[in-house]
PDB file of N, CA and C in Angstrom:
ATOM      1  N   ALA A   1     -12.842 -12.363  -3.509  1.00  0.00           N
ATOM      2  CA  ALA A   1     -11.205 -12.418  -3.061  1.00  0.00           C
ATOM      3  C   ALA A   1     -10.585 -11.479  -4.128  1.00  0.00           C
ATOM      4  N   GLY A   2     -10.646 -12.015  -5.440  1.00  0.00           N
ATOM      5  CA  GLY A   2      -9.987 -11.749  -6.819  1.00  0.00           C
ATOM      6  C   GLY A   2     -10.115 -10.412  -7.240  1.00  0.00           C
ATOM      7  N   LEU A   3     -11.641  -9.896  -6.830  1.00  0.00           N
ATOM      8  CA  LEU A   3     -11.962  -8.457  -7.124  1.00  0.00           C
ATOM      9  C   LEU A   3     -11.838  -7.592  -6.123  1.00  0.00           C
ATOM     10  N   LEU A   4     -11.965  -7.775  -5.032  1.00  0.00           N
ATOM     11  CA  LEU A   4     -11.187  -7.013  -3.619  1.00  0.00           C
ATOM     12  C   LEU A   4      -9.915  -6.674  -4.149  1.00  0.00           C
ATOM     13  N   SER A   5      -9.150  -7.658  -4.353  1.00  0.00           N
ATOM     14  CA  SER A   5      -7.613  -7.596  -4.404  1.00  0.00           C
ATOM     15  C   SER A   5      -7.082  -6.674  -5.722  1.00  0.00           C
ATOM     16  N   LEU A   6      -8.115  -7.056  -6.457  1.00  0.00           N
ATOM     17  CA  LEU A   6      -8.123  -5.662  -7.842  1.00  0.00           C
ATOM     18  C   LEU A   6      -8.289  -4.510  -7.707  1.00  0.00           C
ATOM     19  N   LEU A   7      -9.142  -4.514  -6.829  1.00  0.00           N
ATOM     20  CA  LEU A   7      -9.435  -2.827  -6.395  1.00  0.00           C
ATOM     21  C   LEU A   7      -8.500  -2.547  -5.476  1.00  0.00           C
ATOM     22  N   ALA A   8      -7.908  -3.202  -4.484  1.00  0.00           N
ATOM     23  CA  ALA A   8      -7.139  -2.882  -4.135  1.00  0.00           C
ATOM     24  C   ALA A   8      -5.459  -2.343  -4.528  1.00  0.00           C
ATOM     25  N   VAL A   9      -5.085  -3.020  -5.818  1.00  0.00           N
ATOM     26  CA  VAL A   9      -4.230  -2.850  -6.535  1.00  0.00           C
ATOM     27  C   VAL A   9      -4.375  -1.230  -7.235  1.00  0.00           C
ATOM     28  N   VAL A  10      -5.439  -1.087  -7.865  1.00  0.00           N
ATOM     29  CA  VAL A  10      -5.842  -0.144  -8.782  1.00  0.00           C
ATOM     30  C   VAL A  10      -5.683   1.005  -7.741  1.00  0.00           C
ATOM     31  N   ALA A  11      -6.790   0.961  -6.347  1.00  0.00           N
ATOM     32  CA  ALA A  11      -6.216   2.023  -5.370  1.00  0.00           C
ATOM     33  C   ALA A  11      -5.426   2.709  -5.211  1.00  0.00           C
ATOM     34  N   SER A  12      -4.363   1.456  -4.688  1.00  0.00           N
ATOM     35  CA  SER A  12      -2.936   1.864  -4.170  1.00  0.00           C
ATOM     36  C   SER A  12      -2.190   2.340  -5.428  1.00  0.00           C
ATOM     37  N   THR A  13      -2.352   2.104  -6.584  1.00  0.00           N
ATOM     38  CA  THR A  13      -1.836   2.547  -8.191  1.00  0.00           C
ATOM     39  C   THR A  13      -2.254   4.052  -7.919  1.00  0.00           C
ATOM     40  N   LEU A  14      -3.615   4.205  -8.083  1.00  0.00           N
ATOM     41  CA  LEU A  14      -3.892   5.738  -7.945  1.00  0.00           C
ATOM     42  C   LEU A  14      -2.904   6.642  -6.792  1.00  0.00           C
ATOM     43  N   TRP A  15      -3.154   6.300  -5.875  1.00  0.00           N
ATOM     44  CA  TRP A  15      -2.398   7.006  -4.488  1.00  0.00           C
ATOM     45  C   TRP A  15      -0.498   7.076  -5.103  1.00  0.00           C
ATOM     46  N   ILE A  16      -0.114   5.890  -5.613  1.00  0.00           N
ATOM     47  CA  ILE A  16       1.010   5.940  -6.037  1.00  0.00           C
ATOM     48  C   ILE A  16       1.578   6.863  -7.040  1.00  0.00           C
ATOM     49  N   SER A  17       0.333   7.017  -7.850  1.00  0.00           N
ATOM     50  CA  SER A  17       0.187   8.302  -9.051  1.00  0.00           C
ATOM     51  C   SER A  17      -0.015   9.534  -8.368  1.00  0.00           C
ATOM     52  N   SER A  18      -0.522   9.637  -7.567  1.00  0.00           N
ATOM     53  CA  SER A  18      -0.692  11.276  -6.955  1.00  0.00           C
ATOM     54  C   SER A  18       0.167  11.344  -6.125  1.00  0.00           C
ATOM     55  N   GLN A  19       1.190  10.627  -5.917  1.00  0.00           N
ATOM     56  CA  GLN A  19       2.428  10.754  -5.188  1.00  0.00           C
ATOM     57  C   GLN A  19       3.370  11.206  -5.800  1.00  0.00           C
ATOM     58  N   CYS A  20       3.754  10.548  -7.018  1.00  0.00           N
ATOM     59  CA  CYS A  20       4.826  10.915  -7.761  1.00  0.00           C
ATOM     60  C   CYS A  20       4.782  11.909  -8.946  1.00  0.00           C
ATOM     61  N   LYS A  21       5.935  12.368  -9.243  1.00  0.00           N
ATOM     62  CA  LYS A  21       5.848  13.537 -10.108  1.00  0.00           C
ATOM     63  C   LYS A  21       5.887  13.139 -11.374  1.00  0.00           C
ATOM     64  N   SER A  22       6.333  11.992 -12.014  1.00  0.00           N
ATOM     65  CA  SER A  22       6.476  11.739 -13.576  1.00  0.00           C
ATOM     66  C   SER A  22       5.661  10.541 -13.501  1.00  0.00           C
ATOM     67  N   ASN A  23       5.336  10.419 -14.858  1.00  0.00           N
ATOM     68  CA  ASN A  23       4.718   8.639 -15.343  1.00  0.00           C
ATOM     69  C   ASN A  23       5.475   7.727 -15.189  1.00  0.00           C
ATOM     70  N   VAL A  24       6.904   7.801 -15.544  1.00  0.00           N
ATOM     71  CA  VAL A  24       7.876   6.848 -15.020  1.00  0.00           C
ATOM     72  C   VAL A  24       7.722   6.580 -13.993  1.00  0.00           C
ATOM     73  N   SER A  25       8.279   7.267 -13.062  1.00  0.00           N
ATOM     74  CA  SER A  25       8.559   7.341 -11.778  1.00  0.00           C
ATOM     75  C   SER A  25       7.772   6.394 -10.818  1.00  0.00           C
ATOM     76  N   ALA A  26       5.948   6.681 -11.182  1.00  0.00           N
ATOM     77  CA  ALA A  26       4.642   6.007 -10.786  1.00  0.00           C
ATOM     78  C   ALA A  26       4.550   4.693 -11.186  1.00  0.00           C
ATOM     79  N   LEU A  27       5.130   4.374 -12.432  1.00  0.00           N
ATOM     80  CA  LEU A  27       5.022   3.344 -13.506  1.00  0.00           C
ATOM     81  C   LEU A  27       6.042   2.307 -12.009  1.00  0.00           C
ATOM     82  N   ALA A  28       7.425   2.817 -12.300  1.00  0.00           N
ATOM     83  CA  ALA A  28       7.969   1.874 -11.631  1.00  0.00           C
ATOM     84  C   ALA A  28       7.527   1.485 -10.323  1.00  0.00           C
ATOM     85  N   VAL A  29       7.018   2.273  -9.339  1.00  0.00           N
ATOM     86  CA  VAL A  29       6.941   1.960  -7.951  1.00  0.00           C
ATOM     87  C   VAL A  29       5.547   1.093  -8.255  1.00  0.00           C
ATOM     88  N   ALA A  30       4.721   1.365  -8.657  1.00  0.00           N
ATOM     89  CA  ALA A  30       3.831   0.780  -8.914  1.00  0.00           C
ATOM     90  C   ALA A  30       3.671  -0.674  -9.278  1.00  0.00           C
ATOM     91  N   LEU A  31       4.868  -0.885 -10.221  1.00  0.00           N
ATOM     92  CA  LEU A  31       5.314  -2.393 -10.755  1.00  0.00           C
ATOM     93  C   LEU A  31       5.998  -2.968  -9.726  1.00  0.00           C
ATOM     94  N   THR A  32       7.013  -2.616  -8.649  1.00  0.00           N
ATOM     95  CA  THR A  32       7.617  -2.524  -7.601  1.00  0.00           C
ATOM     96  C   THR A  32       6.654  -3.088  -6.592  1.00  0.00           C
ATOM     97  N   VAL A  33       5.503  -2.449  -5.981  1.00  0.00           N
ATOM     98  CA  VAL A  33       4.594  -2.736  -5.309  1.00  0.00           C
ATOM     99  C   VAL A  33       3.499  -4.321  -5.260  1.00  0.00           C
ATOM    100  N   PHE A  34       3.681  -4.052  -7.016  1.00  0.00           N
ATOM    101  CA  PHE A  34       2.573  -5.441  -7.323  1.00  0.00           C
ATOM    102  C   PHE A  34       3.645  -6.675  -7.293  1.00  0.00           C
ATOM    103  N   LEU A  35       4.984  -6.313  -8.071  1.00  0.00           N
ATOM    104  CA  LEU A  35       5.850  -7.553  -7.897  1.00  0.00           C
ATOM    105  C   LEU A  35       6.348  -7.884  -6.626  1.00  0.00           C
ATOM    106  N   ALA A  36       6.112  -6.867  -5.727  1.00  0.00           N
ATOM    107  CA  ALA A  36       7.319  -7.354  -4.301  1.00  0.00           C
ATOM    108  C   ALA A  36       6.544  -8.484  -3.507  1.00  0.00           C
ATOM    109  N   PRO A  37       4.947  -9.164  -3.551  1.00  0.00           N
ATOM    110  CA  PRO A  37       4.839  -9.738  -2.849  1.00  0.00           C
ATOM    111  C   PRO A  37       5.143 -11.459  -3.459  1.00  0.00           C
ATOM    112  N   MET A  38       5.010 -11.444  -4.873  1.00  0.00           N
ATOM    113  CA  MET A  38       5.826 -12.770  -5.810  1.00  0.00           C
ATOM    114  C   MET A  38       7.164 -12.496  -5.209  1.00  0.00           C
ATOM    115  N   ILE A  39       8.072 -11.823  -5.304  1.00  0.00           N
ATOM    116  CA  ILE A  39       9.140 -11.877  -5.267  1.00  0.00           C
ATOM    117  C   ILE A  39       9.535 -12.557  -3.959  1.00  0.00           C
ATOM    118  N   ILE A  40       9.065 -11.938  -2.637  1.00  0.00           N
ATOM    119  CA  ILE A  40       8.962 -12.283  -1.348  1.00  0.00           C
ATOM    120  C   ILE A  40       8.732 -13.815  -1.047  1.00  0.00           C
ATOM    121  N   TYR A  41       7.235 -14.204  -1.879  1.00  0.00           N
ATOM    122  CA  TYR A  41       6.803 -15.445  -1.503  1.00  0.00           C
ATOM    123  C   TYR A  41       8.254 -16.588  -2.133  1.00  0.00           C
ATOM    124  N   ILE A  42       8.577 -16.120  -3.234  1.00  0.00           N
ATOM    125  CA  ILE A  42       9.703 -16.881  -4.241  1.00  0.00           C
ATOM    126  C   ILE A  42      11.013 -17.197  -3.260  1.00  0.00           C
ATOM    127  N   MET A  43      11.119 -15.898  -2.841  1.00  0.00           N
ATOM    128  CA  MET A  43      12.715 -16.055  -2.423  1.00  0.00           C
ATOM    129  C   MET A  43      12.746 -16.690  -0.616  1.00  0.00           C
ATOM    130  N   SER A  44      11.739 -16.057   0.061  1.00  0.00           N
ATOM    131  CA  SER A  44      11.775 -16.280   1.232  1.00  0.00           C
ATOM    132  C   SER A  44      12.081 -17.457   1.798  1.00  0.00           C
ATOM    133  N   ASN A  45      12.682 -17.776   2.954  1.00  0.00           N
ATOM    134  CA  ASN A  45      12.938 -18.993   3.446  1.00  0.00           C
ATOM    135  C   ASN A  45      11.878 -19.439   4.271  1.00  0.00           C
ATOM    136  N   SER A  46      11.228 -18.345   5.288  1.00  0.00           N
ATOM    137  CA  SER A  46      10.205 -18.292   6.216  1.00  0.00           C
ATOM    138  C   SER A  46       8.612 -17.966   5.668  1.00  0.00           C
ATOM    139  N   VAL A  47       8.206 -19.001   5.861  1.00  0.00           N
ATOM    140  CA  VAL A  47       6.504 -19.587   5.435  1.00  0.00           C
ATOM    141  C   VAL A  47       5.799 -17.918   6.043  1.00  0.00           C
ATOM    142  N   ALA A  48       5.842 -17.834   7.541  1.00  0.00           N
ATOM    143  CA  ALA A  48       5.453 -16.827   8.109  1.00  0.00           C
ATOM    144  C   ALA A  48       5.723 -15.583   7.555  1.00  0.00           C
ATOM    145  N   PHE A  49       6.855 -15.291   7.125  1.00  0.00           N
ATOM    146  CA  PHE A  49       7.213 -13.920   6.645  1.00  0.00           C
ATOM    147  C   PHE A  49       6.834 -13.895   5.437  1.00  0.00           C
ATOM    148  N   ALA A  50       6.548 -14.802   4.199  1.00  0.00           N
ATOM    149  CA  ALA A  50       5.740 -14.932   3.259  1.00  0.00           C
ATOM    150  C   ALA A  50       4.421 -14.683   3.064  1.00  0.00           C
ATOM    151  N   ASN A  51       3.988 -15.249   3.988  1.00  0.00           N
ATOM    152  CA  ASN A  51       1.963 -15.249   3.951  1.00  0.00           C
ATOM    153  C   ASN A  51       1.823 -13.571   4.625  1.00  0.00           C
ATOM    154  N   TRP A  52       2.594 -13.412   5.823  1.00  0.00           N
ATOM    155  CA  TRP A  52       2.329 -11.907   5.963  1.00  0.00           C
ATOM    156  C   TRP A  52       2.791 -10.839   4.940  1.00  0.00           C
ATOM    157  N   ALA A  53       3.614 -10.948   3.939  1.00  0.00           N
ATOM    158  CA  ALA A  53       3.605 -10.120   2.980  1.00  0.00           C
ATOM    159  C   ALA A  53       2.434 -10.389   1.817  1.00  0.00           C
ATOM    160  N   GLN A  54       2.194 -11.416   1.920  1.00  0.00           N
ATOM    161  CA  GLN A  54       1.151 -11.524   0.739  1.00  0.00           C
ATOM    162  C   GLN A  54      -0.210 -10.940   1.246  1.00  0.00           C
ATOM    163  N   CYS A  55      -0.482 -10.864   2.529  1.00  0.00           N
ATOM    164  CA  CYS A  55      -1.496 -10.364   3.052  1.00  0.00           C
ATOM    165  C   CYS A  55      -1.535  -8.713   3.078  1.00  0.00           C
ATOM    166  N   LEU A  56      -0.149  -8.394   3.048  1.00  0.00           N
ATOM    167  CA  LEU A  56      -0.144  -7.001   3.401  1.00  0.00           C
ATOM    168  C   LEU A  56      -0.234  -6.117   2.275  1.00  0.00           C
ATOM    169  N   PHE A  57       0.589  -6.701   1.477  1.00  0.00           N
ATOM    170  CA  PHE A  57       0.591  -6.126  -0.209  1.00  0.00           C
ATOM    171  C   PHE A  57      -0.662  -6.344  -1.036  1.00  0.00           C
ATOM    172  N   PRO A  58      -0.940  -5.098  -1.324  1.00  0.00           N
ATOM    173  CA  PRO A  58      -2.584  -5.202  -2.217  1.00  0.00           C
ATOM    174  C   PRO A  58      -2.605  -6.058  -3.339  1.00  0.00           C
ATOM    175  N   ALA A  59      -1.654  -6.608  -3.684  1.00  0.00           N
ATOM    176  CA  ALA A  59      -1.335  -7.756  -4.839  1.00  0.00           C
ATOM    177  C   ALA A  59      -0.936  -8.747  -4.718  1.00  0.00           C
ATOM    178  N   GLY A  60      -1.012  -9.238  -3.462  1.00  0.00           N
ATOM    179  CA  GLY A  60      -0.778 -10.237  -2.580  1.00  0.00           C
ATOM    180  C   GLY A  60      -1.380 -11.771  -3.219  1.00  0.00           C
ATOM    181  N   SER A  61      -2.411 -11.610  -3.149  1.00  0.00           N
ATOM    182  CA  SER A  61      -3.210 -12.901  -3.732  1.00  0.00           C
ATOM    183  C   SER A  61      -3.597 -12.761  -5.017  1.00  0.00           C
ATOM    184  N   LEU A  62      -2.680 -11.992  -6.270  1.00  0.00           N
ATOM    185  CA  LEU A  62      -2.946 -12.210  -7.479  1.00  0.00           C
ATOM    186  C   LEU A  62      -1.951 -12.401  -8.376  1.00  0.00           C
ATOM    187  N   GLY A  63      -0.988 -13.513  -7.129  1.00  0.00           N
ATOM    188  CA  GLY A  63       0.405 -13.877  -8.040  1.00  0.00           C
ATOM    189  C   GLY A  63      -0.054 -15.361  -8.462  1.00  0.00           C
ATOM    190  N   LEU A  64       0.951 -15.801  -9.129  1.00  0.00           N
ATOM    191  CA  LEU A  64       1.351 -17.149  -9.663  1.00  0.00           C
ATOM    192  C   LEU A  64       1.220 -18.452  -8.771  1.00  0.00           C
ATOM    193  N   GLN A  65       2.329 -17.973  -7.802  1.00  0.00           N
ATOM    194  CA  GLN A  65       2.076 -19.372  -6.774  1.00  0.00           C
ATOM    195  C   GLN A  65       1.961 -18.943  -5.965  1.00  0.00           C
ATOM    196  N   ASN A  66       1.634 -17.531  -5.374  1.00  0.00           N
ATOM    197  CA  ASN A  66       0.647 -17.406  -4.170  1.00  0.00           C
ATOM    198  C   ASN A  66      -0.720 -16.994  -4.159  1.00  0.00           C
ATOM    199  N   ALA A  67      -1.189 -17.262  -5.019  1.00  0.00           N
ATOM    200  CA  ALA A  67      -2.599 -17.026  -5.290  1.00  0.00           C
ATOM    201  C   ALA A  67      -3.611 -17.451  -4.447  1.00  0.00           C
ATOM    202  N   PHE A  68      -4.802 -16.594  -4.605  1.00  0.00           N
ATOM    203  CA  PHE A  68      -5.823 -16.983  -3.530  1.00  0.00           C
ATOM    204  C   PHE A  68      -6.020 -18.350  -3.444  1.00  0.00           C
ATOM    205  N   ALA A  69      -6.398 -18.994  -4.421  1.00  0.00           N
ATOM    206  CA  ALA A  69      -6.782 -20.726  -4.492  1.00  0.00           C
ATOM    207  C   ALA A  69      -6.005 -21.265  -3.636  1.00  0.00           C
ATOM    208  N   TYR A  70      -4.518 -21.134  -3.743  1.00  0.00           N
ATOM    209  CA  TYR A  70      -3.679 -21.649  -3.142  1.00  0.00           C
ATOM    210  C   TYR A  70      -3.461 -21.954  -1.756  1.00  0.00           C
ATOM    211  N   THR A  71      -3.927 -20.428  -1.063  1.00  0.00           N
ATOM    212  CA  THR A  71      -3.971 -19.970   0.177  1.00  0.00           C
ATOM    213  C   THR A  71      -4.803 -20.995   0.862  1.00  0.00           C
ATOM    214  N   LEU A  72      -6.296 -20.949   0.312  1.00  0.00           N
ATOM    215  CA  LEU A  72      -7.518 -21.684   0.414  1.00  0.00           C
ATOM    216  C   LEU A  72      -6.883 -23.370   0.837  1.00  0.00           C
ATOM    217  N   TRP A  73      -6.264 -23.916  -0.402  1.00  0.00           N
ATOM    218  CA  TRP A  73      -5.840 -25.241  -0.152  1.00  0.00           C
ATOM    219  C   TRP A  73      -4.643 -25.517   0.566  1.00  0.00           C
ATOM    220  N   GLY A  74      -3.813 -24.350   0.770  1.00  0.00           N
ATOM    221  CA  GLY A  74      -2.501 -24.697   1.510  1.00  0.00           C
ATOM    222  C   GLY A  74      -3.162 -24.817   3.313  1.00  0.00           C
ATOM    223  N   PHE A  75      -4.161 -24.154   3.518  1.00  0.00           N
ATOM    224  CA  PHE A  75      -4.529 -24.434   4.842  1.00  0.00           C
ATOM    225  C   PHE A  75      -3.641 -23.952   6.130  1.00  0.00           C
ATOM    226  N   GLN A  76      -3.067 -22.255   5.788  1.00  0.00           N
ATOM    227  CA  GLN A  76      -2.059 -21.593   6.602  1.00  0.00           C
ATOM    228  C   GLN A  76      -2.924 -20.422   7.238  1.00  0.00           C
ATOM    229  N   PHE A  77      -2.230 -20.372   8.680  1.00  0.00           N
ATOM    230  CA  PHE A  77      -2.730 -19.479   9.421  1.00  0.00           C
ATOM    231  C   PHE A  77      -1.521 -18.341   9.400  1.00  0.00           C
ATOM    232  N   LEU A  78      -2.108 -16.966   9.590  1.00  0.00           N
ATOM    233  CA  LEU A  78      -1.591 -15.946  10.418  1.00  0.00           C
ATOM    234  C   LEU A  78      -1.224 -15.969  11.855  1.00  0.00           C
ATOM    235  N   HIS A  79       0.100 -16.127  12.768  1.00  0.00           N
ATOM    236  CA  HIS A  79       0.067 -15.769  14.147  1.00  0.00           C
ATOM    237  C   HIS A  79       0.413 -14.491  14.267  1.00  0.00           C
ATOM    238  N   LEU A  80      -0.195 -14.212  15.172  1.00  0.00           N
ATOM    239  CA  LEU A  80       0.451 -12.824  16.053  1.00  0.00           C
ATOM    240  C   LEU A  80      -0.153 -12.927  17.364  1.00  0.00           C
ATOM    241  N   GLY A  81       0.945 -13.605  18.200  1.00  0.00           N
ATOM    242  CA  GLY A  81       0.489 -13.897  19.854  1.00  0.00           C
ATOM    243  C   GLY A  81       0.083 -15.051  19.489  1.00  0.00           C
ATOM    244  N   ASN A  82      -1.005 -14.916  20.779  1.00  0.00           N
ATOM    245  CA  ASN A  82      -2.046 -15.888  20.940  1.00  0.00           C
ATOM    246  C   ASN A  82      -3.094 -15.928  19.724  1.00  0.00           C
ATOM    247  N   PHE A  83      -3.025 -15.146  18.684  1.00  0.00           N
ATOM    248  CA  PHE A  83      -4.119 -14.446  18.153  1.00  0.00           C
ATOM    249  C   PHE A  83      -3.896 -15.402  16.365  1.00  0.00           C
ATOM    250  N   SER A  84      -4.676 -16.079  15.989  1.00  0.00           N
ATOM    251  CA  SER A  84      -4.522 -16.731  14.682  1.00  0.00           C
ATOM    252  C   SER A  84      -5.666 -16.802  13.668  1.00  0.00           C
ATOM    253  N   VAL A  85      -5.139 -15.858  12.722  1.00  0.00           N
ATOM    254  CA  VAL A  85      -6.106 -15.906  11.382  1.00  0.00           C
ATOM    255  C   VAL A  85      -5.888 -16.655  10.038  1.00  0.00           C
ATOM    256  N   PHE A  86      -7.274 -17.449   9.591  1.00  0.00           N
ATOM    257  CA  PHE A  86      -6.822 -17.904   8.431  1.00  0.00           C
ATOM    258  C   PHE A  86      -6.595 -16.903   7.210  1.00  0.00           C
ATOM    259  N   VAL A  87      -5.368 -17.575   6.273  1.00  0.00           N
ATOM    260  CA  VAL A  87      -5.134 -16.284   5.707  1.00  0.00           C
ATOM    261  C   VAL A  87      -5.932 -15.792   4.640  1.00  0.00           C
ATOM    262  N   PRO A  88      -6.776 -16.652   3.839  1.00  0.00           N
ATOM    263  CA  PRO A  88      -7.631 -16.469   3.257  1.00  0.00           C
ATOM    264  C   PRO A  88      -8.760 -15.143   3.688  1.00  0.00           C
ATOM    265  N   PHE A  89      -8.892 -15.676   4.960  1.00  0.00           N
ATOM    266  CA  PHE A  89      -9.660 -14.081   5.349  1.00  0.00           C
ATOM    267  C   PHE A  89      -9.224 -12.989   5.570  1.00  0.00           C
ATOM    268  N   ALA A  90      -8.029 -12.984   6.308  1.00  0.00           N
ATOM    269  CA  ALA A  90      -6.845 -12.014   6.482  1.00  0.00           C
ATOM    270  C   ALA A  90      -7.050 -10.899   5.088  1.00  0.00           C
ATOM    271  N   ILE A  91      -6.799 -12.001   3.889  1.00  0.00           N
ATOM    272  CA  ILE A  91      -6.323 -11.520   3.055  1.00  0.00           C
ATOM    273  C   ILE A  91      -7.676 -10.223   2.388  1.00  0.00           C
ATOM    274  N   ILE A  92      -8.734 -10.997   2.533  1.00  0.00           N
ATOM    275  CA  ILE A  92     -10.188 -10.379   2.482  1.00  0.00           C
ATOM    276  C   ILE A  92     -10.315  -9.126   3.169  1.00  0.00           C
ATOM    277  N   GLY A  93      -9.934  -9.389   4.504  1.00  0.00           N
ATOM    278  CA  GLY A  93      -9.914  -7.868   5.418  1.00  0.00           C
ATOM    279  C   GLY A  93      -9.273  -7.194   5.054  1.00  0.00           C
ATOM    280  N   ILE A  94      -8.012  -7.523   5.007  1.00  0.00           N
ATOM    281  CA  ILE A  94      -6.870  -6.327   4.605  1.00  0.00           C
ATOM    282  C   ILE A  94      -7.491  -5.675   3.649  1.00  0.00           C
ATOM    283  N   ALA A  95      -7.605  -6.286   2.299  1.00  0.00           N
ATOM    284  CA  ALA A  95      -8.182  -5.772   1.060  1.00  0.00           C
ATOM    285  C   ALA A  95      -9.366  -4.889   1.045  1.00  0.00           C
ATOM    286  N   ILE A  96     -10.438  -5.237   2.189  1.00  0.00           N
ATOM    287  CA  ILE A  96     -11.453  -4.401   2.329  1.00  0.00           C
ATOM    288  C   ILE A  96     -11.411  -3.035   3.216  1.00  0.00           C
ATOM    289  N   VAL A  97     -10.008  -2.989   3.787  1.00  0.00           N
ATOM    290  CA  VAL A  97      -9.729  -1.794   4.509  1.00  0.00           C
ATOM    291  C   VAL A  97      -8.593  -1.336   3.593  1.00  0.00           C
ATOM    292  N   GLU A  98      -7.784  -1.540   2.624  1.00  0.00           N
ATOM    293  CA  GLU A  98      -7.129  -0.740   1.854  1.00  0.00           C
ATOM    294  C   GLU A  98      -7.720  -0.345   1.047  1.00  0.00           C
ATOM    295  N   ILE A  99      -8.854  -0.549   0.266  1.00  0.00           N
ATOM    296  CA  ILE A  99      -9.549   0.071  -0.612  1.00  0.00           C
ATOM    297  C   ILE A  99      -9.909   1.113  -0.299  1.00  0.00           C
ATOM    298  N   PRO A 100     -10.416   1.609   0.833  1.00  0.00           N
ATOM    299  CA  PRO A 100     -10.944   2.650   1.038  1.00  0.00           C
ATOM    300  C   PRO A 100      -9.441   3.871   1.649  1.00  0.00           C
ATOM    301  N   LEU A 101      -8.758   2.902   2.450  1.00  0.00           N
ATOM    302  CA  LEU A 101      -7.658   4.059   2.725  1.00  0.00           C
ATOM    303  C   LEU A 101      -7.233   4.314   1.835  1.00  0.00           C
ATOM    304  N   PHE A 102      -6.801   4.063   0.484  1.00  0.00           N
ATOM    305  CA  PHE A 102      -5.805   4.355  -0.468  1.00  0.00           C
ATOM    306  C   PHE A 102      -6.776   5.306  -1.444  1.00  0.00           C
ATOM    307  N   ILE A 103      -8.005   4.947  -1.531  1.00  0.00           N
ATOM    308  CA  ILE A 103      -8.775   5.717  -2.399  1.00  0.00           C
ATOM    309  C   ILE A 103      -9.011   7.315  -1.505  1.00  0.00           C
ATOM    310  N   GLY A 104      -9.387   7.369   0.027  1.00  0.00           N
ATOM    311  CA  GLY A 104      -9.011   8.564   1.056  1.00  0.00           C
ATOM    312  C   GLY A 104      -7.322   9.115   0.945  1.00  0.00           C
ATOM    313  N   LEU A 105      -6.421   8.354   0.590  1.00  0.00           N
ATOM    314  CA  LEU A 105      -5.149   8.946   0.720  1.00  0.00           C
ATOM    315  C   LEU A 105      -4.914   9.700  -1.139  1.00  0.00           C
ATOM    316  N   THR A 106      -5.521   9.191  -1.498  1.00  0.00           N
ATOM    317  CA  THR A 106      -5.446  10.143  -3.069  1.00  0.00           C
ATOM    318  C   THR A 106      -6.320  10.877  -3.301  1.00  0.00           C
ATOM    319  N   ALA A 107      -7.468  10.702  -2.438  1.00  0.00           N
ATOM    320  CA  ALA A 107      -8.200  12.083  -2.518  1.00  0.00           C
ATOM    321  C   ALA A 107      -7.451  13.237  -1.391  1.00  0.00           C
ATOM    322  N   HIS A 108      -7.001  12.866  -0.516  1.00  0.00           N
ATOM    323  CA  HIS A 108      -6.323  13.924   0.020  1.00  0.00           C
ATOM    324  C   HIS A 108      -4.954  14.389  -0.833  1.00  0.00           C
ATOM    325  N   SER A 109      -4.628  13.830  -1.457  1.00  0.00           N
ATOM    326  CA  SER A 109      -3.024  13.995  -2.105  1.00  0.00           C
ATOM    327  C   SER A 109      -4.003  15.316  -3.398  1.00  0.00           C
ATOM    328  N   TYR A 110      -4.732  14.466  -3.573  1.00  0.00           N
ATOM    329  CA  TYR A 110      -5.377  15.853  -4.888  1.00  0.00           C
ATOM    330  C   TYR A 110      -6.111  17.237  -4.655  1.00  0.00           C
ATOM    331  N   VAL A 111      -6.243  16.816  -3.033  1.00  0.00           N
ATOM    332  CA  VAL A 111      -7.213  18.295  -2.886  1.00  0.00           C
ATOM    333  C   VAL A 111      -5.918  19.075  -2.471  1.00  0.00           C
ATOM    334  N   LYS A 112      -4.764  18.590  -1.775  1.00  0.00           N
ATOM    335  CA  LYS A 112      -3.982  19.204  -0.808  1.00  0.00           C
ATOM    336  C   LYS A 112      -3.173  19.963  -2.232  1.00  0.00           C
ATOM    337  N   ARG A 113      -3.261  19.483  -3.277  1.00  0.00           N
ATOM    338  CA  ARG A 113      -2.349  19.872  -4.452  1.00  0.00           C
ATOM    339  C   ARG A 113      -2.850  20.896  -5.211  1.00  0.00           C
ATOM    340  N   GLN A 114      -4.286  21.147  -4.813  1.00  0.00           N
ATOM    341  CA  GLN A 114      -5.049  22.379  -5.573  1.00  0.00           C
ATOM    342  C   GLN A 114      -4.802  23.437  -4.858  1.00  0.00           C
TER     343      GLN A 114
END
């Protein structure tokens, strides 16, 4: 799960850098995307919102307090209507989807510029 999350972060950073005009803006946006799940997890009063943010951001399982190991021990679920998913399974599934998505978006961005 750690490797998948790391690859998702790398793929999203590549896409961000392909969209930004300068290196500084790419770095600022990438750091914001990387730190957002940690900040949301610390500041959120809603556990459900923090869990969704942790799963949807590429760096959601790489944090200090919201690491993947803590989600295994926490035994928390994501609820969407009558459907419930164990948070570690959602993190892995979303990372598997994010990697080819961001790589495809990066390739499309670079091909469009040429």
